[in-house]
Structures are given as structure tokens and as C-alpha cells.
C-alpha atoms as a PDB file:
ATOM      1  CA  TYR A   1    -122.261 267.605  36.890  1.00  0.00           C
ATOM      2  CA  ARG A   2    -118.759 266.711  37.282  1.00  0.00           C
ATOM      3  CA  ASP A   3    -117.539 263.845  39.197  1.00  0.00           C
ATOM      4  CA  ASP A   4    -115.244 266.434  41.295  1.00  0.00           C
ATOM      5  CA  GLU A   5    -118.185 268.502  42.298  1.00  0.00           C
ATOM      6  CA  ALA A   6    -120.345 267.820  45.298  1.00  0.00           C
ATOM      7  CA  TRP A   7    -124.325 266.795  43.257  1.00  0.00           C
ATOM      8  CA  ASP A   8    -124.477 264.214  45.483  1.00  0.00           C
ATOM      9  CA  SER A   9    -124.642 265.996  49.151  1.00  0.00           C
ATOM     10  CA  ALA A  10    -128.886 266.740  48.636  1.00  0.00           C
ATOM     11  CA  PRO A  11    -131.156 263.708  48.185  1.00  0.00           C
ATOM     12  CA  ILE A  12    -132.182 264.060  44.725  1.00  0.00           C
ATOM     13  CA  ASP A  13    -136.271 262.438  43.527  1.00  0.00           C
ATOM     14  CA  PHE A  14    -134.524 260.471  39.931  1.00  0.00           C
ATOM     15  CA  ALA A  15    -131.726 260.267  38.563  1.00  0.00           C
ATOM     16  CA  PHE A  16    -130.873 259.458  34.903  1.00  0.00           C
ATOM     17  CA  SER A  17    -128.019 258.136  32.369  1.00  0.00           C
ATOM     18  CA  ILE A  18    -128.931 256.933  29.539  1.00  0.00           C
ATOM     19  CA  LEU A  19    -126.025 257.172  26.988  1.00  0.00           C
ATOM     20  CA  THR A  20    -123.178 258.407  29.568  1.00  0.00           C
ATOM     21  CA  PHE A  21    -122.576 255.515  30.987  1.00  0.00           C
ATOM     22  CA  GLN A  22    -122.183 253.685  27.651  1.00  0.00           C
ATOM     23  CA  HIS A  23    -119.408 255.282  26.724  1.00  0.00           C
ATOM     24  CA  ILE A  24    -117.667 254.927  29.779  1.00  0.00           C
ATOM     25  CA  THR A  25    -114.112 252.275  29.637  1.00  0.00           C
ATOM     26  CA  HIS A  26    -113.502 251.979  32.968  1.00  0.00           C
ATOM     27  CA  LEU A  27    -116.398 249.974  34.668  1.00  0.00           C
ATOM     28  CA  ILE A  28    -114.781 251.330  38.590  1.00  0.00           C
ATOM     29  CA  ASP A  29    -115.626 254.714  37.279  1.00  0.00           C
ATOM     30  CA  ILE A  30    -119.102 253.349  36.361  1.00  0.00           C
ATOM     31  CA  GLU A  31    -119.749 251.567  39.783  1.00  0.00           C
ATOM     32  CA  ASN A  32    -118.306 254.891  41.695  1.00  0.00           C
ATOM     33  CA  TYR A  33    -120.983 257.425  40.193  1.00  0.00           C
ATOM     34  CA  VAL A  34    -123.428 254.521  41.125  1.00  0.00           C
ATOM     35  CA  LYS A  35    -122.710 254.345  44.438  1.00  0.00           C
ATOM     36  CA  ARG A  36    -122.732 258.608  44.761  1.00  0.00           C
ATOM     37  CA  ILE A  37    -125.520 258.423  42.800  1.00  0.00           C
ATOM     38  CA  ALA A  38    -127.122 255.646  44.937  1.00  0.00           C
ATOM     39  CA  ASN A  39    -126.283 257.195  47.968  1.00  0.00           C
ATOM     40  CA  CYS A  40    -128.718 260.182  47.890  1.00  0.00           C
ATOM     41  CA  LEU A  41    -131.369 258.481  46.213  1.00  0.00           C
ATOM     42  CA  SER A  42    -134.483 259.832  47.740  1.00  0.00           C
ATOM     43  CA  GLY A  43    -137.229 257.782  44.291  1.00  0.00           C
ATOM     44  CA  ILE A  44    -135.762 256.319  41.719  1.00  0.00           C
ATOM     45  CA  ALA A  45    -133.206 256.309  38.796  1.00  0.00           C
ATOM     46  CA  TYR A  46    -133.290 254.769  35.380  1.00  0.00           C
ATOM     47  CA  PHE A  47    -129.464 253.649  33.918  1.00  0.00           C
ATOM     48  CA  GLN A  48    -129.315 252.778  30.214  1.00  0.00           C
ATOM     49  CA  PHE A  49    -126.549 250.043  28.837  1.00  0.00           C
ATOM     50  CA  ASP A  50    -125.694 248.463  26.144  1.00  0.00           C
ATOM     51  CA  THR A  51    -125.675 244.686  26.856  1.00  0.00           C
ATOM     52  CA  ARG A  52    -125.656 242.621  23.557  1.00  0.00           C
ATOM     53  CA  PRO A  53    -123.291 240.250  23.042  1.00  0.00           C
ATOM     54  CA  THR A  54    -120.340 240.778  22.234  1.00  0.00           C
ATOM     55  CA  ASN A  55    -119.235 239.411  18.855  1.00  0.00           C
ATOM     56  CA  PHE A  56    -116.485 239.126  16.118  1.00  0.00           C
ATOM     57  CA  TRP A  57    -116.429 243.260  14.928  1.00  0.00           C
ATOM     58  CA  TYR A  58    -117.073 243.911  18.418  1.00  0.00           C
ATOM     59  CA  ASN A  59    -113.864 242.308  19.964  1.00  0.00           C
ATOM     60  CA  ILE A  60    -111.801 243.389  16.697  1.00  0.00           C
ATOM     61  CA  LYS A  61    -112.459 247.099  16.772  1.00  0.00           C
ATOM     62  CA  THR A  62    -111.819 247.300  20.589  1.00  0.00           C
ATOM     63  CA  ARG A  63    -108.548 246.245  20.170  1.00  0.00           C
ATOM     64  CA  VAL A  64    -107.086 248.147  17.122  1.00  0.00           C
ATOM     65  CA  PRO A  65    -105.012 251.038  17.948  1.00  0.00           C
ATOM     66  CA  SER A  66    -107.831 254.285  18.533  1.00  0.00           C
ATOM     67  CA  ALA A  67    -105.269 256.262  15.906  1.00  0.00           C
ATOM     68  CA  LEU A  68    -106.243 253.764  12.965  1.00  0.00           C
ATOM     69  CA  VAL A  69    -110.174 253.357  13.448  1.00  0.00           C
ATOM     70  CA  PRO A  70    -113.266 255.346  12.445  1.00  0.00           C
ATOM     71  CA  ALA A  71    -114.448 257.783  14.921  1.00  0.00           C
ATOM     72  CA  VAL A  72    -117.281 256.507  15.993  1.00  0.00           C
ATOM     73  CA  TRP A  73    -114.952 253.614  16.542  1.00  0.00           C
ATOM     74  CA  LYS A  74    -112.816 255.671  18.935  1.00  0.00           C
ATOM     75  CA  VAL A  75    -112.542 255.067  23.026  1.00  0.00           C
ATOM     76  CA  GLY A  76    -115.088 256.871  24.093  1.00  0.00           C
ATOM     77  CA  MET A  77    -117.144 257.534  21.523  1.00  0.00           C
ATOM     78  CA  ARG A  78    -118.081 253.642  20.539  1.00  0.00           C
ATOM     79  CA  ARG A  79    -120.484 252.003  22.867  1.00  0.00           C
ATOM     80  CA  VAL A  80    -118.749 249.670  25.608  1.00  0.00           C
ATOM     81  CA  ARG A  81    -120.910 246.633  25.975  1.00  0.00           C
ATOM     82  CA  ARG A  82    -121.383 245.200  29.550  1.00  0.00           C
ATOM     83  CA  ASP A  83    -122.728 242.016  30.825  1.00  0.00           C
ATOM     84  CA  PRO A  84    -126.037 241.798  32.283  1.00  0.00           C
ATOM     85  CA  LYS A  85    -125.210 240.073  35.079  1.00  0.00           C
ATOM     86  CA  MET A  86    -122.207 241.820  36.566  1.00  0.00           C
ATOM     87  CA  LEU A  87    -124.923 245.232  36.084  1.00  0.00           C
ATOM     88  CA  HIS A  88    -126.665 243.787  38.633  1.00  0.00           C
ATOM     89  CA  GLY A  89    -123.923 242.556  41.051  1.00  0.00           C
ATOM     90  CA  LEU A  90    -122.896 246.368  40.366  1.00  0.00           C
ATOM     91  CA  PHE A  91    -126.205 247.606  41.530  1.00  0.00           C
ATOM     92  CA  ALA A  92    -126.372 245.415  44.513  1.00  0.00           C
ATOM     93  CA  ARG A  93    -123.407 246.505  45.592  1.00  0.00           C
ATOM     94  CA  CYS A  94    -123.824 250.296  45.485  1.00  0.00           C
ATOM     95  CA  GLY A  95    -126.979 248.966  47.457  1.00  0.00           C
ATOM     96  CA  LEU A  96    -129.473 249.611  44.194  1.00  0.00           C
ATOM     97  CA  ARG A  97    -132.394 246.990  43.545  1.00  0.00           C
ATOM     98  CA  ILE A  98    -134.272 246.794  40.111  1.00  0.00           C
ATOM     99  CA  ILE A  99    -137.216 247.474  39.806  1.00  0.00           C
ATOM    100  CA  GLN A 100    -138.182 246.266  36.492  1.00  0.00           C
ATOM    101  CA  GLU A 101    -135.067 246.102  32.692  1.00  0.00           C
ATOM    102  CA  PHE A 102    -136.200 247.121  29.420  1.00  0.00           C
ATOM    103  CA  ASP A 103    -135.172 245.674  26.351  1.00  0.00           C
ATOM    104  CA  SER A 104    -131.986 243.716  27.359  1.00  0.00           C
ATOM    105  CA  ASN A 105    -129.349 241.886  25.394  1.00  0.00           C
ATOM    106  CA  SER A 106    -130.045 245.416  23.250  1.00  0.00           C
ATOM    107  CA  ALA A 107    -128.142 248.907  22.741  1.00  0.00           C
ATOM    108  CA  LEU A 108    -131.202 250.416  24.860  1.00  0.00           C
ATOM    109  CA  HIS A 109    -130.712 247.498  28.331  1.00  0.00           C
ATOM    110  CA  GLY A 110    -132.690 250.234  30.380  1.00  0.00           C
ATOM    111  CA  PHE A 111    -132.438 249.423  34.282  1.00  0.00           C
ATOM    112  CA  LEU A 112    -135.191 251.449  36.311  1.00  0.00           C
ATOM    113  CA  LEU A 113    -133.783 251.001  40.353  1.00  0.00           C
ATOM    114  CA  LYS A 114    -134.895 252.399  43.701  1.00  0.00           C
ATOM    115  CA  ARG A 115    -132.490 252.692  46.542  1.00  0.00           C
ATOM    116  CA  ASN A 116    -132.644 249.535  49.287  1.00  0.00           C
ATOM    117  CA  SER A 117    -134.422 250.182  52.389  1.00  0.00           C
ATOM    118  CA  SER A 118    -131.893 250.599  55.747  1.00  0.00           C
END
């Protein structure tokens, strides 16, 4: 769904994001989506992020202007790496608890989440 649609107006049993969150540059945008999902979640969610530690080449390709890099390095195409501890805090702020994690510190770091009980 698009972000301007009322897709979060009814309860949902399952939400997932396998690739989308990995390509969103601004963390506040991710947090807004996760908040909306958490507010309507009645079941579980599975989100995947790239939590690989940054390295020399990652730091270079994220600082070079988009016009000068190959297509796969351009903003919106490349995966944005996130700190796992920062994601833990984001989920907690949004009212979600982590049930299980998969493939920590990888490009496919998965989080199985459930809404906190009120």
C-alpha cells in the first residue's frame, strides 16, 4: 500500500517486509511505517533489515554522489545498513517486542515481532 492510504485502519494478522525497509534511507520513515503497522497488528510481523557492520567500501559508496556510482550503489537501490541495537529501540518505541531474531549481523537479519500487551 501507499503511505497516504488508510491501510492501517483495520486489524491485521500478519505483516512483513523483506526488502522494502532495507532500501529506505531515512530512519524516521521506517519508524512511521512500523508505528502504523504496530497500531493495527493483531498477530505477528516479520521485518528484515541489513545489519552487517559497515566497512571501508560501504562508507565510500554511501558518500559518493549518486551520479558517479553504478546503478546498484545508488540511493534507493542499495541496502541501507542499520545498527541492530537501534532497531531494538525503534521496535520498543513502536510498541513491539521481539519474539525471535534470525541471521543477526547479516544482510538478511530477520525480526519476528508481536505487539506489546496493553
